[in-house]
Amino acid sequence: MLTDANTAALPIQPDGEWHTYSVSLSANPNWTGKVNEIWFDPVNLNAAYVDIQWMRFE
């Protein structure tokens, strides 16, 4: 279930350049066990364009 307690938010740089963002999967105590679902919502803006060059999970 998606709740604020098990989400991560990152500030983004909306400047048209490529950026690398990292989220520590061990930083949130609610993130344990097997990952069954990932919800990626890059921005909460109308008419925003997001281009993802690559994504990796470790």
N, C-alpha and C. Protein backbone atom coordinates (compact mmCIF):
# COMPACT_ATOMS: atom_id res chain seq x y z
N MET A 1 0.84 -1.18 0.00
CA MET A 1 0.00 0.00 0.00
C MET A 1 0.88 1.25 0.00
N LEU A 2 0.57 2.20 -0.83
CA LEU A 2 1.33 3.43 -0.94
C LEU A 2 0.88 4.42 0.13
N THR A 3 1.78 4.76 1.03
CA THR A 3 1.53 5.77 2.05
C THR A 3 2.75 6.68 2.13
N ASP A 4 2.61 7.82 2.79
CA ASP A 4 3.75 8.73 2.95
C ASP A 4 4.90 8.06 3.69
N ALA A 5 4.60 7.14 4.59
CA ALA A 5 5.64 6.47 5.38
C ALA A 5 6.56 5.60 4.53
N ASN A 6 6.08 5.13 3.39
CA ASN A 6 6.95 4.27 2.58
C ASN A 6 7.24 4.87 1.21
N THR A 7 7.36 6.20 1.16
CA THR A 7 7.74 6.87 -0.08
C THR A 7 9.05 7.63 0.12
N ALA A 8 9.65 8.01 -0.97
CA ALA A 8 10.84 8.85 -0.94
C ALA A 8 10.65 9.98 -1.95
N ALA A 9 10.99 11.17 -1.55
CA ALA A 9 10.87 12.33 -2.43
C ALA A 9 12.24 12.98 -2.56
N LEU A 10 12.55 13.41 -3.76
CA LEU A 10 13.83 14.05 -4.03
C LEU A 10 13.60 15.39 -4.70
N PRO A 11 14.40 16.39 -4.35
CA PRO A 11 14.32 17.65 -5.10
C PRO A 11 14.94 17.44 -6.48
N ILE A 12 14.32 18.01 -7.48
CA ILE A 12 14.85 17.87 -8.84
C ILE A 12 15.36 19.22 -9.33
N GLN A 13 16.20 19.18 -10.35
CA GLN A 13 16.73 20.39 -10.96
C GLN A 13 16.11 20.52 -12.36
N PRO A 14 15.07 21.31 -12.50
CA PRO A 14 14.38 21.43 -13.80
C PRO A 14 15.07 22.44 -14.72
N ASP A 15 16.30 22.10 -15.16
CA ASP A 15 17.06 23.04 -15.96
C ASP A 15 17.39 22.53 -17.37
N GLY A 16 16.78 21.41 -17.76
CA GLY A 16 17.02 20.89 -19.10
C GLY A 16 18.30 20.11 -19.26
N GLU A 17 19.06 19.93 -18.21
CA GLU A 17 20.31 19.18 -18.24
C GLU A 17 20.11 17.80 -17.64
N TRP A 18 21.03 16.86 -17.94
CA TRP A 18 20.98 15.52 -17.34
C TRP A 18 21.50 15.59 -15.91
N HIS A 19 20.84 14.85 -15.01
CA HIS A 19 21.26 14.80 -13.61
C HIS A 19 21.15 13.36 -13.13
N THR A 20 21.95 13.02 -12.14
CA THR A 20 21.89 11.70 -11.51
C THR A 20 21.28 11.87 -10.13
N TYR A 21 20.26 11.07 -9.85
CA TYR A 21 19.60 11.09 -8.55
C TYR A 21 19.73 9.71 -7.93
N SER A 22 19.94 9.66 -6.62
CA SER A 22 20.07 8.38 -5.92
C SER A 22 19.15 8.35 -4.71
N VAL A 23 18.57 7.18 -4.46
CA VAL A 23 17.73 6.96 -3.29
C VAL A 23 18.30 5.76 -2.56
N SER A 24 18.60 5.94 -1.28
CA SER A 24 19.10 4.83 -0.48
C SER A 24 17.93 3.93 -0.08
N LEU A 25 17.96 2.70 -0.54
CA LEU A 25 16.88 1.77 -0.22
C LEU A 25 16.94 1.28 1.22
N SER A 26 18.05 1.53 1.90
CA SER A 26 18.16 1.12 3.30
C SER A 26 17.86 2.27 4.26
N ALA A 27 17.60 3.47 3.75
CA ALA A 27 17.38 4.64 4.59
C ALA A 27 16.00 4.65 5.26
N ASN A 28 15.03 4.00 4.67
CA ASN A 28 13.67 4.00 5.20
C ASN A 28 13.42 2.68 5.91
N PRO A 29 13.13 2.68 7.22
CA PRO A 29 12.89 1.43 7.94
C PRO A 29 11.65 0.68 7.47
N ASN A 30 10.78 1.33 6.72
CA ASN A 30 9.59 0.66 6.17
C ASN A 30 9.91 -0.15 4.92
N TRP A 31 11.10 0.01 4.37
CA TRP A 31 11.50 -0.71 3.17
C TRP A 31 12.29 -1.94 3.58
N THR A 32 11.60 -3.02 3.76
CA THR A 32 12.25 -4.29 4.15
C THR A 32 11.66 -5.41 3.31
N GLY A 33 12.41 -6.51 3.25
CA GLY A 33 11.90 -7.69 2.57
C GLY A 33 11.95 -7.56 1.06
N LYS A 34 11.08 -8.29 0.41
CA LYS A 34 11.02 -8.38 -1.04
C LYS A 34 10.28 -7.18 -1.63
N VAL A 35 10.82 -6.64 -2.71
CA VAL A 35 10.16 -5.55 -3.42
C VAL A 35 9.15 -6.15 -4.39
N ASN A 36 7.89 -5.82 -4.22
CA ASN A 36 6.83 -6.33 -5.09
C ASN A 36 6.36 -5.30 -6.10
N GLU A 37 6.58 -4.03 -5.80
CA GLU A 37 6.05 -2.98 -6.65
C GLU A 37 6.87 -1.72 -6.48
N ILE A 38 7.11 -1.02 -7.57
CA ILE A 38 7.77 0.28 -7.54
C ILE A 38 6.90 1.25 -8.31
N TRP A 39 6.64 2.38 -7.72
CA TRP A 39 5.87 3.42 -8.36
C TRP A 39 6.82 4.59 -8.57
N PHE A 40 7.08 4.94 -9.80
CA PHE A 40 7.97 6.04 -10.14
C PHE A 40 7.13 7.18 -10.68
N ASP A 41 7.09 8.27 -9.95
CA ASP A 41 6.32 9.46 -10.32
C ASP A 41 7.28 10.64 -10.31
N PRO A 42 7.93 10.92 -11.45
CA PRO A 42 9.04 11.86 -11.45
C PRO A 42 8.71 13.29 -11.05
N VAL A 43 7.59 13.81 -11.43
CA VAL A 43 7.22 15.18 -11.04
C VAL A 43 5.72 15.28 -10.88
N ASN A 44 5.31 16.20 -10.07
CA ASN A 44 3.89 16.44 -9.84
C ASN A 44 3.52 17.79 -10.47
N LEU A 45 3.72 17.90 -11.76
CA LEU A 45 3.45 19.13 -12.48
C LEU A 45 2.66 18.82 -13.75
N ASN A 46 1.74 19.68 -14.10
CA ASN A 46 1.02 19.53 -15.37
C ASN A 46 1.93 19.92 -16.52
N ALA A 47 1.86 19.21 -17.60
CA ALA A 47 2.61 19.50 -18.83
C ALA A 47 4.12 19.42 -18.65
N ALA A 48 4.58 18.66 -17.67
CA ALA A 48 6.03 18.48 -17.48
C ALA A 48 6.51 17.36 -18.38
N TYR A 49 7.72 17.47 -18.87
CA TYR A 49 8.33 16.45 -19.71
C TYR A 49 9.54 15.90 -18.98
N VAL A 50 9.59 14.58 -18.83
CA VAL A 50 10.71 13.92 -18.16
C VAL A 50 11.28 12.87 -19.10
N ASP A 51 12.57 12.92 -19.31
CA ASP A 51 13.26 11.95 -20.15
C ASP A 51 14.23 11.18 -19.27
N ILE A 52 14.06 9.87 -19.19
CA ILE A 52 14.91 9.03 -18.35
C ILE A 52 15.90 8.30 -19.25
N GLN A 53 17.17 8.58 -19.06
CA GLN A 53 18.19 7.93 -19.88
C GLN A 53 18.42 6.50 -19.41
N TRP A 54 18.48 6.26 -18.12
CA TRP A 54 18.62 4.91 -17.57
C TRP A 54 18.20 4.91 -16.11
N MET A 55 17.89 3.72 -15.62
CA MET A 55 17.50 3.54 -14.22
C MET A 55 18.09 2.22 -13.75
N ARG A 56 18.64 2.21 -12.54
CA ARG A 56 19.27 1.01 -12.01
C ARG A 56 18.88 0.84 -10.55
N PHE A 57 18.68 -0.43 -10.16
CA PHE A 57 18.37 -0.77 -8.78
C PHE A 57 19.45 -1.69 -8.26
N GLU A 58 19.99 -1.38 -7.11
CA GLU A 58 21.03 -2.21 -6.51
C GLU A 58 20.63 -2.63 -5.12
